[in-house]
Protein backbone atom coordinates (compact mmCIF):
# COMPACT_ATOMS: atom_id res chain seq x y z
CA MET A 1 63.00 4.04 73.98
CA THR A 2 64.89 3.37 77.24
CA GLU A 3 66.68 5.94 79.25
CA LYS A 4 70.04 4.57 78.02
CA THR A 5 68.98 5.09 74.48
CA HIS A 6 67.90 8.56 75.35
CA ALA A 7 71.23 9.27 76.92
CA SER A 8 73.15 7.94 73.92
CA LEU A 9 71.12 10.14 71.67
CA ALA A 10 71.62 13.12 74.00
CA ILE A 11 67.81 13.29 74.72
CA PRO A 12 67.10 14.49 78.23
CA ALA A 13 65.04 12.28 80.48
CA ARG A 14 61.26 13.07 80.91
CA GLU A 15 60.85 15.00 84.05
CA THR A 16 58.19 17.19 85.50
CA GLU A 17 58.75 20.66 86.80
CA GLY A 18 58.94 19.34 90.37
CA GLY A 19 61.54 16.81 89.42
CA HIS A 20 59.15 13.84 89.24
CA ALA A 21 59.03 11.52 86.26
CA LEU A 22 56.00 11.59 83.85
CA PRO A 23 53.87 8.46 83.30
CA PRO A 24 54.86 6.16 80.51
CA ARG A 25 53.50 6.81 76.99
CA HIS A 26 51.63 3.52 76.72
CA GLN A 27 49.39 4.60 79.62
CA GLU A 28 48.57 7.88 77.85
CA TRP A 29 47.61 6.01 74.69
CA LYS A 30 45.39 3.70 76.70
CA ARG A 31 43.65 6.63 78.30
CA ALA A 32 43.17 8.28 74.91
CA LYS A 33 41.66 5.13 73.48
CA ILE A 34 39.25 4.89 76.38
CA ALA A 35 38.19 8.52 75.86
CA VAL A 36 37.67 7.91 72.14
CA TRP A 37 35.56 4.84 72.86
CA ILE A 38 33.50 6.78 75.35
CA VAL A 39 32.89 9.56 72.80
CA LEU A 40 31.98 7.02 70.11
CA ALA A 41 29.59 5.30 72.48
CA LEU A 42 27.93 8.61 73.34
CA LEU A 43 27.62 9.45 69.65
CA ALA A 44 26.14 6.03 68.92
CA VAL A 45 23.64 6.40 71.76
CA GLY A 46 22.64 9.85 70.47
CA ALA A 47 22.27 8.60 66.91
CA LEU A 48 20.23 5.61 68.09
CA ARG A 49 18.01 7.90 70.11
CA THR A 50 17.53 10.21 67.13
CA VAL A 51 16.66 7.33 64.79
CA THR A 52 14.26 5.87 67.33
CA ALA A 53 12.56 9.24 67.82
CA ASN A 54 12.21 9.69 64.04
CA ILE A 55 10.71 6.22 63.65
CA MET A 56 8.23 6.83 66.45
CA GLN A 57 7.35 10.23 65.05
CA ASN A 58 6.80 8.80 61.56
CA ARG A 59 4.55 6.12 63.01
CA ALA A 60 2.58 8.73 64.92
CA VAL A 61 2.21 10.89 61.80
CA ALA A 62 1.09 7.86 59.77
CA GLU A 63 -1.47 6.90 62.37
CA THR A 64 -2.74 10.49 62.60
CA THR A 65 -2.92 10.75 58.82
CA LYS A 66 -4.80 7.47 58.61
CA GLN A 67 -7.15 8.58 61.35
CA ASN A 68 -7.74 11.94 59.67
CA ALA A 69 -8.29 10.24 56.31
CA THR A 70 -11.10 8.14 57.74
CA GLN A 71 -14.49 9.66 56.91
CA TYR A 72 -17.05 9.46 59.71
CA VAL A 73 -20.59 9.64 58.39
CA ASN A 74 -24.11 9.59 59.76
CA VAL A 75 -26.52 7.24 58.03
CA VAL A 76 -30.27 6.79 57.93
CA SER A 77 -32.55 4.13 56.49
CA PRO A 78 -35.47 5.00 54.18
CA THR A 79 -38.88 5.17 55.81
CA GLN A 80 -41.97 3.57 54.36
CA THR A 81 -44.86 5.90 53.60
CA GLU A 82 -48.42 4.83 54.06
CA GLY A 83 -50.43 4.10 50.96
CA GLY A 84 -53.15 6.54 49.98
CA GLY A 85 -53.36 9.86 51.79
CA ASP A 86 -53.43 13.28 50.19
CA THR A 87 -50.92 15.34 48.28
CA LEU A 88 -50.83 19.13 48.59
CA LEU A 89 -50.70 20.95 45.27
CA PRO A 90 -50.84 24.69 44.54
CA GLY A 91 -54.02 26.12 43.11
CA THR A 92 -55.49 29.46 42.05
CA LEU A 93 -58.90 30.74 43.06
CA ARG A 94 -60.99 32.21 40.28
CA GLY A 95 -64.51 33.53 40.23
CA TYR A 96 -67.09 31.11 38.95
CA VAL A 97 -67.84 33.73 36.30
CA GLU A 98 -65.35 36.52 35.53
CA SER A 99 -65.65 39.12 32.83
CA PRO A 100 -64.19 42.48 31.88
CA ILE A 101 -66.87 45.01 30.90
CA PHE A 102 -66.13 46.90 27.68
CA ALA A 103 -68.11 49.62 25.94
CA ARG A 104 -69.89 48.82 22.69
CA SER A 105 -70.37 52.49 21.78
CA THR A 106 -67.79 55.25 21.46
CA GLY A 107 -68.35 58.33 23.59
CA TYR A 108 -67.64 60.06 26.89
CA LEU A 109 -68.34 58.74 30.39
CA LEU A 110 -71.15 60.78 31.93
CA HIS A 111 -71.40 58.99 35.28
CA TRP A 112 -70.49 55.74 36.99
CA TYR A 113 -72.63 54.10 39.65
CA ALA A 114 -70.55 51.17 41.02
CA ASP A 115 -67.06 51.29 42.50
CA ILE A 116 -64.66 48.47 43.35
CA GLY A 117 -66.00 46.10 45.97
CA ALA A 118 -69.60 46.93 45.17
CA ARG A 119 -71.97 43.99 44.85
CA VAL A 120 -74.29 44.36 41.87
CA LYS A 121 -77.22 42.40 40.52
CA GLN A 122 -77.73 41.23 36.98
CA GLY A 123 -78.89 44.11 34.79
CA GLN A 124 -77.90 46.79 37.33
CA LEU A 125 -76.70 50.06 35.79
CA LEU A 126 -72.95 50.56 36.11
CA ALA A 127 -72.31 53.70 34.01
CA ASP A 128 -73.82 56.11 31.46
CA LEU A 129 -72.11 57.24 28.25
CA ASP A 130 -72.65 60.34 26.12
CA THR A 131 -72.57 59.33 22.43
CA PRO A 132 -73.33 62.43 20.27
CA GLU A 133 -72.14 60.86 17.03
CA ILE A 134 -74.40 57.83 17.41
CA ASP A 135 -77.31 60.13 18.32
CA GLN A 136 -76.83 62.10 15.09
CA GLU A 137 -76.47 58.93 13.03
CA LEU A 138 -79.69 57.57 14.51
CA ALA A 139 -81.54 60.78 13.73
CA GLN A 140 -80.22 60.68 10.16
CA ALA A 141 -81.21 57.02 9.79
CA LEU A 142 -84.74 57.75 11.00
CA ALA A 143 -85.06 60.61 8.46
CA GLN A 144 -83.78 58.37 5.67
CA ARG A 145 -86.26 55.68 6.65
CA GLN A 146 -89.09 58.22 6.54
CA GLN A 147 -87.89 59.34 3.12
CA THR A 148 -87.71 55.78 1.87
CA SER A 149 -91.14 55.02 3.28
CA SER A 150 -92.65 58.01 1.42
CA SER A 151 -91.00 56.93 -1.82
CA LEU A 152 -92.39 53.43 -1.30
CA GLY A 153 -95.91 54.79 -0.87
CA LEU A 154 -95.66 56.72 -4.14
CA ALA A 155 -94.26 53.66 -5.95
CA LYS A 156 -97.13 51.55 -4.57
CA SER A 157 -99.84 53.93 -5.83
CA SER A 158 -98.14 54.26 -9.22
CA LEU A 159 -97.98 50.49 -9.57
CA ASP A 160 -101.66 50.13 -8.78
CA ARG A 161 -102.65 52.71 -11.42
CA TRP A 162 -100.43 51.17 -14.09
CA GLN A 163 -101.88 47.77 -13.40
CA GLN A 164 -105.40 49.16 -14.05
CA LEU A 165 -104.19 50.88 -17.23
CA ARG A 166 -102.60 47.65 -18.38
CA GLN A 167 -105.90 45.84 -17.96
CA ARG A 168 -107.44 48.35 -20.42
CA ASP A 169 -104.32 47.94 -22.60
CA ALA A 170 -103.57 51.67 -22.19
CA VAL A 171 -99.87 51.03 -21.37
CA SER A 172 -97.37 48.45 -22.46
CA GLN A 173 -96.23 45.52 -20.42
CA GLN A 174 -92.70 46.94 -20.27
CA GLU A 175 -93.94 50.11 -18.62
CA LEU A 176 -95.83 48.08 -16.07
CA ASP A 177 -92.69 46.01 -15.35
CA GLU A 178 -90.71 49.21 -14.80
CA ARG A 179 -93.22 50.36 -12.19
CA GLN A 180 -93.11 46.94 -10.55
CA SER A 181 -89.29 47.07 -10.39
CA THR A 182 -89.39 50.55 -8.84
CA TYR A 183 -91.81 49.37 -6.19
CA THR A 184 -89.72 46.27 -5.39
CA GLN A 185 -86.58 48.37 -5.10
CA ASP A 186 -88.29 50.80 -2.71
CA VAL A 187 -89.43 47.87 -0.55
CA ALA A 188 -85.83 46.69 -0.31
CA ASN A 189 -84.63 50.22 0.46
CA LEU A 190 -87.16 50.47 3.28
CA ALA A 191 -85.98 47.15 4.72
CA ALA A 192 -82.37 48.37 4.60
CA ALA A 193 -83.37 51.63 6.29
CA ASP A 194 -85.19 49.68 9.00
CA ALA A 195 -82.12 47.50 9.60
CA ASN A 196 -79.88 50.56 9.86
CA VAL A 197 -82.25 52.19 12.34
CA LYS A 198 -82.33 49.04 14.46
CA ARG A 199 -78.52 48.84 14.42
CA LEU A 200 -78.16 52.41 15.60
CA GLN A 201 -80.87 51.95 18.19
CA GLN A 202 -78.96 48.95 19.51
CA LEU A 203 -75.77 51.03 19.70
CA GLU A 204 -77.78 53.74 21.38
CA SER A 205 -78.83 51.25 24.06
CA PHE A 206 -75.17 50.51 24.81
CA LYS A 207 -74.89 53.99 26.29
CA ARG A 208 -76.12 52.27 29.44
CA ILE A 209 -73.42 49.93 30.82
CA VAL A 210 -75.18 47.21 32.83
CA ALA A 211 -73.92 44.20 34.79
CA PRO A 212 -74.23 40.98 32.72
CA PHE A 213 -74.46 38.84 35.88
CA ALA A 214 -74.62 39.22 39.66
CA GLY A 215 -71.23 39.59 41.30
CA VAL A 216 -68.71 41.97 42.80
CA VAL A 217 -66.89 44.78 40.96
CA THR A 218 -63.18 44.00 41.16
CA GLN A 219 -61.92 46.86 38.95
CA ARG A 220 -63.03 50.33 37.86
CA ASN A 221 -60.65 51.73 35.27
CA VAL A 222 -62.48 54.90 34.11
CA ASP A 223 -63.77 58.15 35.54
CA VAL A 224 -66.16 60.89 34.51
CA GLY A 225 -65.10 62.60 31.29
CA ASP A 226 -62.92 59.79 29.97
CA LEU A 227 -63.11 59.08 26.25
CA ILE A 228 -64.43 55.56 25.79
CA ASP A 229 -63.56 53.58 22.67
CA ALA A 230 -65.83 50.83 21.51
CA GLY A 231 -64.61 47.24 21.36
CA SER A 232 -62.06 45.16 23.27
CA GLY A 233 -59.10 45.25 20.89
CA THR A 234 -56.97 48.17 22.05
CA SER A 235 -59.44 49.82 24.43
CA ARG A 236 -59.40 49.30 28.16
CA ALA A 237 -62.15 47.63 30.15
CA LEU A 238 -64.48 49.95 32.03
CA PHE A 239 -65.10 47.47 34.85
CA ALA A 240 -64.16 43.93 35.86
CA LEU A 241 -66.86 41.78 37.41
CA ALA A 242 -66.51 38.44 39.22
CA GLN A 243 -68.95 36.03 40.80
CA SER A 244 -67.40 34.95 44.11
CA ASP A 245 -69.86 32.27 45.20
CA PRO A 246 -69.12 29.59 44.23
CA LEU A 247 -65.46 29.79 43.24
CA ARG A 248 -63.39 27.76 40.80
CA VAL A 249 -60.01 26.36 41.79
CA TYR A 250 -57.62 25.43 38.98
CA VAL A 251 -54.93 22.88 39.86
CA GLN A 252 -52.12 21.46 37.70
CA LEU A 253 -51.92 17.78 38.66
CA PRO A 254 -48.61 15.99 37.90
CA GLN A 255 -48.85 13.14 35.44
CA ALA A 256 -47.96 10.60 38.15
CA TYR A 257 -51.26 11.36 39.93
CA ALA A 258 -53.45 11.66 36.84
CA GLN A 259 -54.97 8.21 37.31
CA ASN A 260 -56.01 8.83 40.91
CA VAL A 261 -58.62 11.55 40.42
CA SER A 262 -62.10 11.50 39.00
CA ALA A 263 -65.01 13.89 38.76
CA GLY A 264 -67.04 14.03 41.94
CA GLN A 265 -64.14 13.45 44.36
CA LYS A 266 -64.01 15.64 47.46
CA VAL A 267 -60.92 17.75 48.12
CA VAL A 268 -59.80 20.05 50.92
CA VAL A 269 -58.62 23.59 50.16
CA THR A 270 -56.50 25.61 52.60
CA GLN A 271 -55.03 29.09 52.52
CA ALA A 272 -51.92 30.15 54.43
CA GLU A 273 -53.52 33.43 55.50
CA LEU A 274 -56.40 31.51 57.12
CA PRO A 275 -54.63 29.04 59.44
CA GLY A 276 -56.67 26.21 60.86
CA GLN A 277 -59.53 26.67 58.38
CA GLN A 278 -60.43 24.10 55.76
CA PHE A 279 -62.76 24.52 52.79
CA HIS A 280 -64.32 21.51 51.13
CA GLY A 281 -64.80 21.42 47.38
CA THR A 282 -65.62 18.93 44.64
CA ILE A 283 -63.70 18.05 41.48
CA THR A 284 -66.12 18.98 38.70
CA HIS A 285 -64.01 19.06 35.53
CA ILE A 286 -60.88 17.21 34.44
CA SER A 287 -58.92 18.07 31.33
CA GLY A 288 -58.94 15.28 28.80
CA ALA A 289 -55.23 15.55 27.92
CA ILE A 290 -51.85 15.98 29.58
CA ASP A 291 -50.25 19.37 28.98
CA VAL A 292 -47.07 18.61 27.01
CA PRO A 293 -44.76 21.42 28.30
CA THR A 294 -45.54 20.79 31.99
CA ARG A 295 -46.60 17.10 31.86
CA SER A 296 -49.53 17.93 34.09
CA LEU A 297 -53.29 17.51 34.03
CA GLN A 298 -55.53 20.48 34.74
CA ILE A 299 -58.45 19.86 37.07
CA GLU A 300 -61.18 22.24 38.17
CA VAL A 301 -62.63 22.26 41.68
CA THR A 302 -65.91 23.95 42.52
CA LEU A 303 -65.69 25.52 45.97
CA PRO A 304 -68.65 27.06 47.84
CA ASN A 305 -67.89 30.49 49.32
CA PRO A 306 -71.07 31.73 51.01
CA ASP A 307 -69.32 33.93 53.58
CA ASP A 308 -66.81 35.40 51.08
CA LYS A 309 -63.78 34.42 53.17
CA LEU A 310 -61.95 33.42 50.01
CA ARG A 311 -61.20 35.94 47.30
CA PRO A 312 -60.74 35.29 43.58
CA GLY A 313 -57.11 35.32 42.48
CA ALA A 314 -55.73 34.02 45.81
CA TYR A 315 -53.08 31.28 46.06
CA VAL A 316 -54.31 28.17 47.87
CA GLN A 317 -53.26 24.57 48.47
CA VAL A 318 -55.45 21.70 47.40
CA ALA A 319 -55.22 18.24 48.98
CA VAL A 320 -55.84 15.73 46.18
CA PRO A 321 -55.76 11.92 46.48
CA ALA A 322 -52.22 10.52 46.42
CA LEU A 323 -50.96 7.22 45.02
CA ALA A 324 -52.55 4.05 46.31
CA HIS A 325 -49.22 2.25 46.89
CA ALA A 326 -46.57 3.17 49.44
CA ARG A 327 -43.17 4.67 48.63
CA LEU A 328 -39.82 5.05 50.37
CA THR A 329 -38.97 8.44 51.81
CA VAL A 330 -35.45 9.80 52.42
CA PRO A 331 -34.36 13.13 53.94
CA GLY A 332 -33.71 15.93 51.51
CA ASN A 333 -30.13 16.44 52.81
CA ALA A 334 -29.16 12.97 51.57
CA LEU A 335 -29.44 14.00 47.91
CA LEU A 336 -26.36 14.34 45.68
CA PHE A 337 -26.52 16.31 42.44
CA ARG A 338 -24.27 14.87 39.77
CA ALA A 339 -24.04 15.36 36.02
CA GLU A 340 -25.59 11.93 35.52
CA GLY A 341 -28.62 12.85 37.64
CA PRO A 342 -29.65 12.69 41.31
CA ARG A 343 -27.80 10.17 43.49
CA VAL A 344 -27.68 8.97 47.09
CA ALA A 345 -24.59 7.53 48.82
CA VAL A 346 -25.23 4.08 50.32
CA VAL A 347 -22.79 2.33 52.72
CA ASP A 348 -22.46 -1.45 52.28
CA ALA A 349 -21.57 -4.03 54.94
CA LYS A 350 -17.81 -3.48 54.43
CA GLY A 351 -18.04 0.27 54.88
CA ASN A 352 -17.60 1.09 51.19
CA VAL A 353 -19.64 3.77 49.47
CA GLN A 354 -21.90 3.04 46.51
CA LEU A 355 -23.66 5.84 44.65
CA HIS A 356 -27.21 4.80 43.68
CA LYS A 357 -29.14 6.48 40.89
CA ILE A 358 -32.63 7.38 42.12
CA VAL A 359 -35.91 8.48 40.57
CA ILE A 360 -37.68 11.15 42.63
CA ALA A 361 -41.45 10.74 42.67
CA GLN A 362 -42.23 13.85 44.71
CA ASP A 363 -40.31 16.59 46.49
CA LEU A 364 -41.93 17.16 49.88
CA GLY A 365 -39.52 19.89 50.96
CA GLN A 366 -37.54 18.35 53.82
CA SER A 367 -37.98 14.83 52.45
CA LEU A 368 -38.19 13.10 49.09
CA GLU A 369 -40.44 10.31 47.91
CA ILE A 370 -38.30 7.86 45.91
CA GLU A 371 -39.79 5.91 43.03
CA SER A 372 -36.78 3.61 42.55
CA GLY A 373 -33.08 3.32 43.38
CA VAL A 374 -33.05 2.49 47.12
CA GLU A 375 -34.19 -0.37 49.34
CA ALA A 376 -35.76 -0.26 52.78
CA ASN A 377 -32.63 -1.68 54.50
CA ASP A 378 -30.09 0.60 52.78
CA LYS A 379 -27.86 2.84 54.91
CA ILE A 380 -27.93 6.26 53.28
CA ILE A 381 -25.36 8.91 54.18
CA LEU A 382 -26.69 12.20 55.49
CA ASN A 383 -25.04 15.42 54.27
CA PRO A 384 -22.54 13.64 51.99
CA SER A 385 -19.56 15.66 50.79
CA ASP A 386 -19.40 16.69 47.16
CA SER A 387 -16.12 14.78 46.71
CA ILE A 388 -17.49 11.40 47.83
CA ALA A 389 -17.20 8.72 45.16
CA ASP A 390 -17.84 5.04 44.55
CA GLY A 391 -15.51 2.79 46.55
CA ASP A 392 -14.62 5.33 49.26
CA HIS A 393 -14.22 3.74 52.69
CA VAL A 394 -16.14 5.41 55.50
CA GLN A 395 -16.76 4.81 59.17
CA ILE A 396 -20.35 4.94 60.36
CA GLN A 397 -20.63 7.25 63.33
CA GLN A 398 -22.77 5.91 66.13
CA PRO A 399 -25.67 8.05 67.34
CA GLN A 400 -24.95 10.34 70.26
CA THR A 401 -27.26 8.45 72.59
CA ASN A 402 -25.47 5.17 71.91
CA ARG A 403 -22.06 6.64 72.62
CA LYS A 404 -23.22 8.07 75.95
CA GLY A 405 -24.64 4.71 76.93
CA ALA A 406 -21.39 2.94 76.05
CA SER A 407 -19.34 5.33 78.17
């Protein structure tokens, strides 16, 4: 509106407090529009900056996630073992002859003459028994034999007289036959009495416990005054005797090695308690069949022991001939245990994981001999995670020495 219009409408003119006129309204609107545009531009710049920051952050998170999702693994190739060689197997030392010594007569122990560790000769006295019951039975048997012998003498003289009387026809033939039967019966009774006396005399001799062979006493289970029961059923052994030179070594050979041994082969025996010492033995006996529960073949090694360094019952290791052909060996920490059986994780040329089923020929502790399932040029993952699966993509980590050289 103009000032005239204002005046006609009785609207006072725009004035300031100092009497100066205010700027026109169209200039105020222009200034307001400029301010609005400036605010909108600032808001747009802020929004653009926020969107850009979010995009960059999302890209960084994606790259970090992708980098964290990449599995870095260490790989190793199987090593080729040399053909032949020896395989260490556990064995048990036993005396060449071992026997528990039982009593054959029942009685009380009067005295023992050999303690544990004592070396005895064949036939040497080990202990004496007191057997009062057997002594009385022997005395009774001797008296019965004497009685039977006297009766036989009387029957013999009677038979001779009746034979003379029969020749003169003074007695009947039946009476002579009766005398002959009595004599024959007394002869049989005397033979039975003699057998009973010999039996008791044999039991009487068992009062002396003697060593059946030369060896060392490994156990003494009785003392003076102990009641000794005859037999080996429920009674305890008086002594245990073992011949320590030579020794026998019993080894359970796995079926895979059964074709590589024969009688006469030389083996080396070692004991952990005797480091650096080797004992040479010979395979003397081989079982003719594979043991079904263990799938192993028992072999026996004869081992000389002149200085008694080895003791019966000890645990030893026996080096027996191994397989003639070579095998591949992988570290033990490359093995995966799955429900389907043992596996190893192999990385192909594209970096993808393939789980190979393997057949373990022998567990060597820190390494495994593999019968089948891997090749010499395979890249096998060391310490694979339990969650690794077929098709997983992995990144092979370079050895530390290579990385230092590259830097």
